[in-house]
């Protein structure tokens, strides 16, 4: 027969185990953007146009951060030590449908779009005439890096 003290000790251990099981953020993938409520991590503007949103998940805790423009995401990413870690996830919204998240490093980018922070790149699922790959888009963003982190 289990003594009350042993039972309480076991129950306490189970509660602690269940609480600590979720400490290492094991979430993956992009999350829904709450339009007109979520804020861009870099420029602190409210995200109001889903077609140009981007998200990055990474770091020691797998934290998810949101952006209103791929240009803000590219700039912000330059400041994190884990930017090239294989587990770092980076998405951009397909500007054609505003519903499909794309791997930001694989998407094609159409220059000349009117975007929230005026970086001017719209993400597409497949390359088209006039689109550029991620590396070319990122170089162009960094060449004109005009947004500084708020705060």
C-alpha atoms as a PDB file:
ATOM      1  CA  UNK A   1       0.000   0.000   0.000  1.00  0.00           C
ATOM      2  CA  UNK A   2       1.348   3.437  -0.961  1.00  0.00           C
ATOM      3  CA  UNK A   3       1.807   5.897   1.865  1.00  0.00           C
ATOM      4  CA  UNK A   4       0.381   9.362   1.466  1.00  0.00           C
ATOM      5  CA  UNK A   5       3.860  10.887   1.532  1.00  0.00           C
ATOM      6  CA  UNK A   6       5.055   8.591  -1.288  1.00  0.00           C
ATOM      7  CA  UNK A   7       1.913   9.337  -3.295  1.00  0.00           C
ATOM      8  CA  UNK A   8       2.371  13.104  -2.958  1.00  0.00           C
ATOM      9  CA  UNK A   9       6.029  12.805  -3.888  1.00  0.00           C
ATOM     10  CA  UNK A  10       5.176  10.750  -7.000  1.00  0.00           C
ATOM     11  CA  UNK A  11       2.346  13.072  -7.997  1.00  0.00           C
ATOM     12  CA  UNK A  12       4.595  16.095  -7.558  1.00  0.00           C
ATOM     13  CA  UNK A  13       7.280  14.496  -9.732  1.00  0.00           C
ATOM     14  CA  UNK A  14       4.718  13.738 -12.459  1.00  0.00           C
ATOM     15  CA  UNK A  15       3.457  17.320 -12.440  1.00  0.00           C
ATOM     16  CA  UNK A  16       7.006  18.679 -12.690  1.00  0.00           C
ATOM     17  CA  UNK A  17       7.847  16.253 -15.490  1.00  0.00           C
ATOM     18  CA  UNK A  18       4.783  17.255 -17.497  1.00  0.00           C
ATOM     19  CA  UNK A  19       5.543  20.939 -16.985  1.00  0.00           C
ATOM     20  CA  UNK A  20       9.187  20.678 -18.024  1.00  0.00           C
ATOM     21  CA  UNK A  21       8.376  18.495 -21.002  1.00  0.00           C
ATOM     22  CA  UNK A  22       7.177  21.571 -22.883  1.00  0.00           C
ATOM     23  CA  UNK A  23      10.065  23.841 -21.948  1.00  0.00           C
ATOM     24  CA  UNK A  24      12.155  23.072 -25.005  1.00  0.00           C
ATOM     25  CA  UNK A  25      10.007  24.715 -27.676  1.00  0.00           C
ATOM     26  CA  UNK A  26       9.552  21.835 -30.094  1.00  0.00           C
ATOM     27  CA  UNK A  27       7.148  23.679 -32.366  1.00  0.00           C
ATOM     28  CA  UNK A  28       7.944  23.793 -36.018  1.00  0.00           C
ATOM     29  CA  UNK A  29       6.555  25.515 -39.048  1.00  0.00           C
ATOM     30  CA  UNK A  30       5.025  28.919 -39.543  1.00  0.00           C
ATOM     31  CA  UNK A  31       2.113  30.227 -37.512  1.00  0.00           C
ATOM     32  CA  UNK A  32      -0.898  32.254 -38.545  1.00  0.00           C
ATOM     33  CA  UNK A  33      -0.358  36.006 -38.645  1.00  0.00           C
ATOM     34  CA  UNK A  34      -2.883  38.051 -36.714  1.00  0.00           C
ATOM     35  CA  UNK A  35      -3.356  40.906 -39.151  1.00  0.00           C
ATOM     36  CA  UNK A  36      -3.486  44.361 -37.608  1.00  0.00           C
ATOM     37  CA  UNK A  37      -2.316  42.863 -34.271  1.00  0.00           C
ATOM     38  CA  UNK A  38       1.054  41.151 -34.822  1.00  0.00           C
ATOM     39  CA  UNK A  39       4.048  43.485 -34.984  1.00  0.00           C
ATOM     40  CA  UNK A  40       7.173  43.278 -37.141  1.00  0.00           C
ATOM     41  CA  UNK A  41      10.169  42.294 -35.019  1.00  0.00           C
ATOM     42  CA  UNK A  42      12.481  44.779 -36.767  1.00  0.00           C
ATOM     43  CA  UNK A  43      10.556  47.929 -37.635  1.00  0.00           C
ATOM     44  CA  UNK A  44       7.761  47.469 -35.034  1.00  0.00           C
ATOM     45  CA  UNK A  45       5.061  48.262 -37.602  1.00  0.00           C
ATOM     46  CA  UNK A  46       1.784  46.359 -37.371  1.00  0.00           C
ATOM     47  CA  UNK A  47       1.553  43.575 -39.953  1.00  0.00           C
ATOM     48  CA  UNK A  48      -1.390  44.545 -42.136  1.00  0.00           C
ATOM     49  CA  UNK A  49      -0.713  42.949 -45.539  1.00  0.00           C
ATOM     50  CA  UNK A  50      -0.343  39.177 -45.374  1.00  0.00           C
ATOM     51  CA  UNK A  51       1.043  38.976 -48.931  1.00  0.00           C
ATOM     52  CA  UNK A  52       4.445  40.270 -47.782  1.00  0.00           C
ATOM     53  CA  UNK A  53       4.701  38.698 -44.317  1.00  0.00           C
ATOM     54  CA  UNK A  54       7.688  36.590 -43.276  1.00  0.00           C
ATOM     55  CA  UNK A  55       8.490  34.446 -40.245  1.00  0.00           C
ATOM     56  CA  UNK A  56      11.676  33.032 -38.779  1.00  0.00           C
ATOM     57  CA  UNK A  57      11.926  30.305 -36.150  1.00  0.00           C
ATOM     58  CA  UNK A  58      15.234  29.412 -34.573  1.00  0.00           C
ATOM     59  CA  UNK A  59      17.752  29.932 -31.853  1.00  0.00           C
ATOM     60  CA  UNK A  60      18.180  27.939 -28.668  1.00  0.00           C
ATOM     61  CA  UNK A  61      14.467  28.029 -27.843  1.00  0.00           C
ATOM     62  CA  UNK A  62      13.003  27.840 -31.347  1.00  0.00           C
ATOM     63  CA  UNK A  63      11.387  31.242 -30.920  1.00  0.00           C
ATOM     64  CA  UNK A  64       9.146  32.446 -33.765  1.00  0.00           C
ATOM     65  CA  UNK A  65       9.417  36.056 -34.920  1.00  0.00           C
ATOM     66  CA  UNK A  66       7.226  37.803 -37.486  1.00  0.00           C
ATOM     67  CA  UNK A  67       7.916  40.499 -40.059  1.00  0.00           C
ATOM     68  CA  UNK A  68       5.831  42.756 -42.282  1.00  0.00           C
ATOM     69  CA  UNK A  69       8.298  42.675 -45.205  1.00  0.00           C
ATOM     70  CA  UNK A  70      10.902  40.154 -46.377  1.00  0.00           C
ATOM     71  CA  UNK A  71      13.428  43.001 -46.263  1.00  0.00           C
ATOM     72  CA  UNK A  72      12.935  43.407 -42.517  1.00  0.00           C
ATOM     73  CA  UNK A  73      13.375  39.652 -42.035  1.00  0.00           C
ATOM     74  CA  UNK A  74      16.602  39.587 -44.069  1.00  0.00           C
ATOM     75  CA  UNK A  75      18.056  42.517 -42.112  1.00  0.00           C
ATOM     76  CA  UNK A  76      17.036  41.095 -38.743  1.00  0.00           C
ATOM     77  CA  UNK A  77      18.498  37.689 -39.617  1.00  0.00           C
ATOM     78  CA  UNK A  78      21.939  39.253 -40.149  1.00  0.00           C
ATOM     79  CA  UNK A  79      22.089  40.064 -36.444  1.00  0.00           C
ATOM     80  CA  UNK A  80      21.520  36.570 -35.047  1.00  0.00           C
ATOM     81  CA  UNK A  81      24.303  34.082 -34.407  1.00  0.00           C
ATOM     82  CA  UNK A  82      22.157  31.113 -35.441  1.00  0.00           C
ATOM     83  CA  UNK A  83      21.147  32.435 -38.884  1.00  0.00           C
ATOM     84  CA  UNK A  84      22.963  29.618 -40.723  1.00  0.00           C
ATOM     85  CA  UNK A  85      22.022  26.812 -38.329  1.00  0.00           C
ATOM     86  CA  UNK A  86      20.328  23.940 -40.175  1.00  0.00           C
ATOM     87  CA  UNK A  87      17.355  23.978 -37.802  1.00  0.00           C
ATOM     88  CA  UNK A  88      16.591  27.659 -38.485  1.00  0.00           C
ATOM     89  CA  UNK A  89      13.300  27.932 -40.369  1.00  0.00           C
ATOM     90  CA  UNK A  90      12.576  30.918 -42.609  1.00  0.00           C
ATOM     91  CA  UNK A  91       9.283  31.437 -44.444  1.00  0.00           C
ATOM     92  CA  UNK A  92       7.743  34.076 -46.611  1.00  0.00           C
ATOM     93  CA  UNK A  93       4.137  34.345 -47.731  1.00  0.00           C
ATOM     94  CA  UNK A  94       3.338  33.597 -51.361  1.00  0.00           C
ATOM     95  CA  UNK A  95       2.317  37.057 -52.543  1.00  0.00           C
ATOM     96  CA  UNK A  96       0.115  35.559 -55.255  1.00  0.00           C
ATOM     97  CA  UNK A  97      -2.355  33.865 -52.941  1.00  0.00           C
ATOM     98  CA  UNK A  98      -1.627  35.296 -49.479  1.00  0.00           C
ATOM     99  CA  UNK A  99      -2.267  31.825 -48.035  1.00  0.00           C
ATOM    100  CA  UNK A 100       0.755  29.650 -48.739  1.00  0.00           C
ATOM    101  CA  UNK A 101       3.981  29.846 -46.755  1.00  0.00           C
ATOM    102  CA  UNK A 102       7.109  29.295 -48.849  1.00  0.00           C
ATOM    103  CA  UNK A 103      10.635  28.432 -47.787  1.00  0.00           C
ATOM    104  CA  UNK A 104      12.158  31.917 -48.006  1.00  0.00           C
ATOM    105  CA  UNK A 105      15.511  30.594 -49.168  1.00  0.00           C
ATOM    106  CA  UNK A 106      13.929  28.686 -52.065  1.00  0.00           C
ATOM    107  CA  UNK A 107      11.241  31.163 -53.179  1.00  0.00           C
ATOM    108  CA  UNK A 108      11.648  33.365 -56.240  1.00  0.00           C
ATOM    109  CA  UNK A 109      11.373  37.128 -55.739  1.00  0.00           C
ATOM    110  CA  UNK A 110       9.750  39.584 -58.100  1.00  0.00           C
ATOM    111  CA  UNK A 111      11.275  43.065 -57.744  1.00  0.00           C
ATOM    112  CA  UNK A 112       9.182  46.197 -58.117  1.00  0.00           C
ATOM    113  CA  UNK A 113       6.337  45.309 -55.749  1.00  0.00           C
ATOM    114  CA  UNK A 114       4.863  47.914 -53.424  1.00  0.00           C
ATOM    115  CA  UNK A 115       5.648  46.326 -50.050  1.00  0.00           C
ATOM    116  CA  UNK A 116       5.030  47.561 -46.486  1.00  0.00           C
ATOM    117  CA  UNK A 117       8.594  48.794 -45.903  1.00  0.00           C
ATOM    118  CA  UNK A 118       9.262  49.476 -49.589  1.00  0.00           C
ATOM    119  CA  UNK A 119      11.952  46.842 -50.058  1.00  0.00           C
ATOM    120  CA  UNK A 120       9.980  45.958 -53.179  1.00  0.00           C
ATOM    121  CA  UNK A 121      10.188  42.149 -53.329  1.00  0.00           C
ATOM    122  CA  UNK A 122       7.176  39.855 -53.676  1.00  0.00           C
ATOM    123  CA  UNK A 123       7.723  36.139 -53.056  1.00  0.00           C
ATOM    124  CA  UNK A 124       6.555  33.586 -55.608  1.00  0.00           C
ATOM    125  CA  UNK A 125       6.467  29.801 -55.463  1.00  0.00           C
ATOM    126  CA  UNK A 126       8.244  29.332 -58.797  1.00  0.00           C
ATOM    127  CA  UNK A 127      10.656  31.438 -60.835  1.00  0.00           C
ATOM    128  CA  UNK A 128       9.198  33.577 -63.595  1.00  0.00           C
ATOM    129  CA  UNK A 129      10.695  35.977 -66.093  1.00  0.00           C
ATOM    130  CA  UNK A 130      12.310  38.797 -64.138  1.00  0.00           C
ATOM    131  CA  UNK A 131      12.370  37.090 -60.744  1.00  0.00           C
ATOM    132  CA  UNK A 132      15.541  36.681 -58.711  1.00  0.00           C
ATOM    133  CA  UNK A 133      16.659  34.012 -56.211  1.00  0.00           C
ATOM    134  CA  UNK A 134      16.913  34.581 -52.458  1.00  0.00           C
ATOM    135  CA  UNK A 135      20.640  35.459 -52.496  1.00  0.00           C
ATOM    136  CA  UNK A 136      20.176  38.243 -55.060  1.00  0.00           C
ATOM    137  CA  UNK A 137      17.155  39.626 -53.199  1.00  0.00           C
ATOM    138  CA  UNK A 138      19.005  39.504 -49.856  1.00  0.00           C
ATOM    139  CA  UNK A 139      22.032  41.311 -51.321  1.00  0.00           C
ATOM    140  CA  UNK A 140      19.760  44.041 -52.695  1.00  0.00           C
ATOM    141  CA  UNK A 141      18.029  44.399 -49.326  1.00  0.00           C
ATOM    142  CA  UNK A 142      21.324  44.688 -47.465  1.00  0.00           C
ATOM    143  CA  UNK A 143      22.692  47.172 -50.008  1.00  0.00           C
ATOM    144  CA  UNK A 144      19.915  49.592 -49.135  1.00  0.00           C
ATOM    145  CA  UNK A 145      19.462  48.629 -45.486  1.00  0.00           C
ATOM    146  CA  UNK A 146      17.542  51.615 -44.203  1.00  0.00           C
ATOM    147  CA  UNK A 147      15.476  50.128 -41.398  1.00  0.00           C
ATOM    148  CA  UNK A 148      16.976  50.085 -37.927  1.00  0.00           C
ATOM    149  CA  UNK A 149      15.601  48.026 -35.065  1.00  0.00           C
ATOM    150  CA  UNK A 150      13.093  49.860 -32.902  1.00  0.00           C
ATOM    151  CA  UNK A 151      13.877  50.333 -29.261  1.00  0.00           C
END
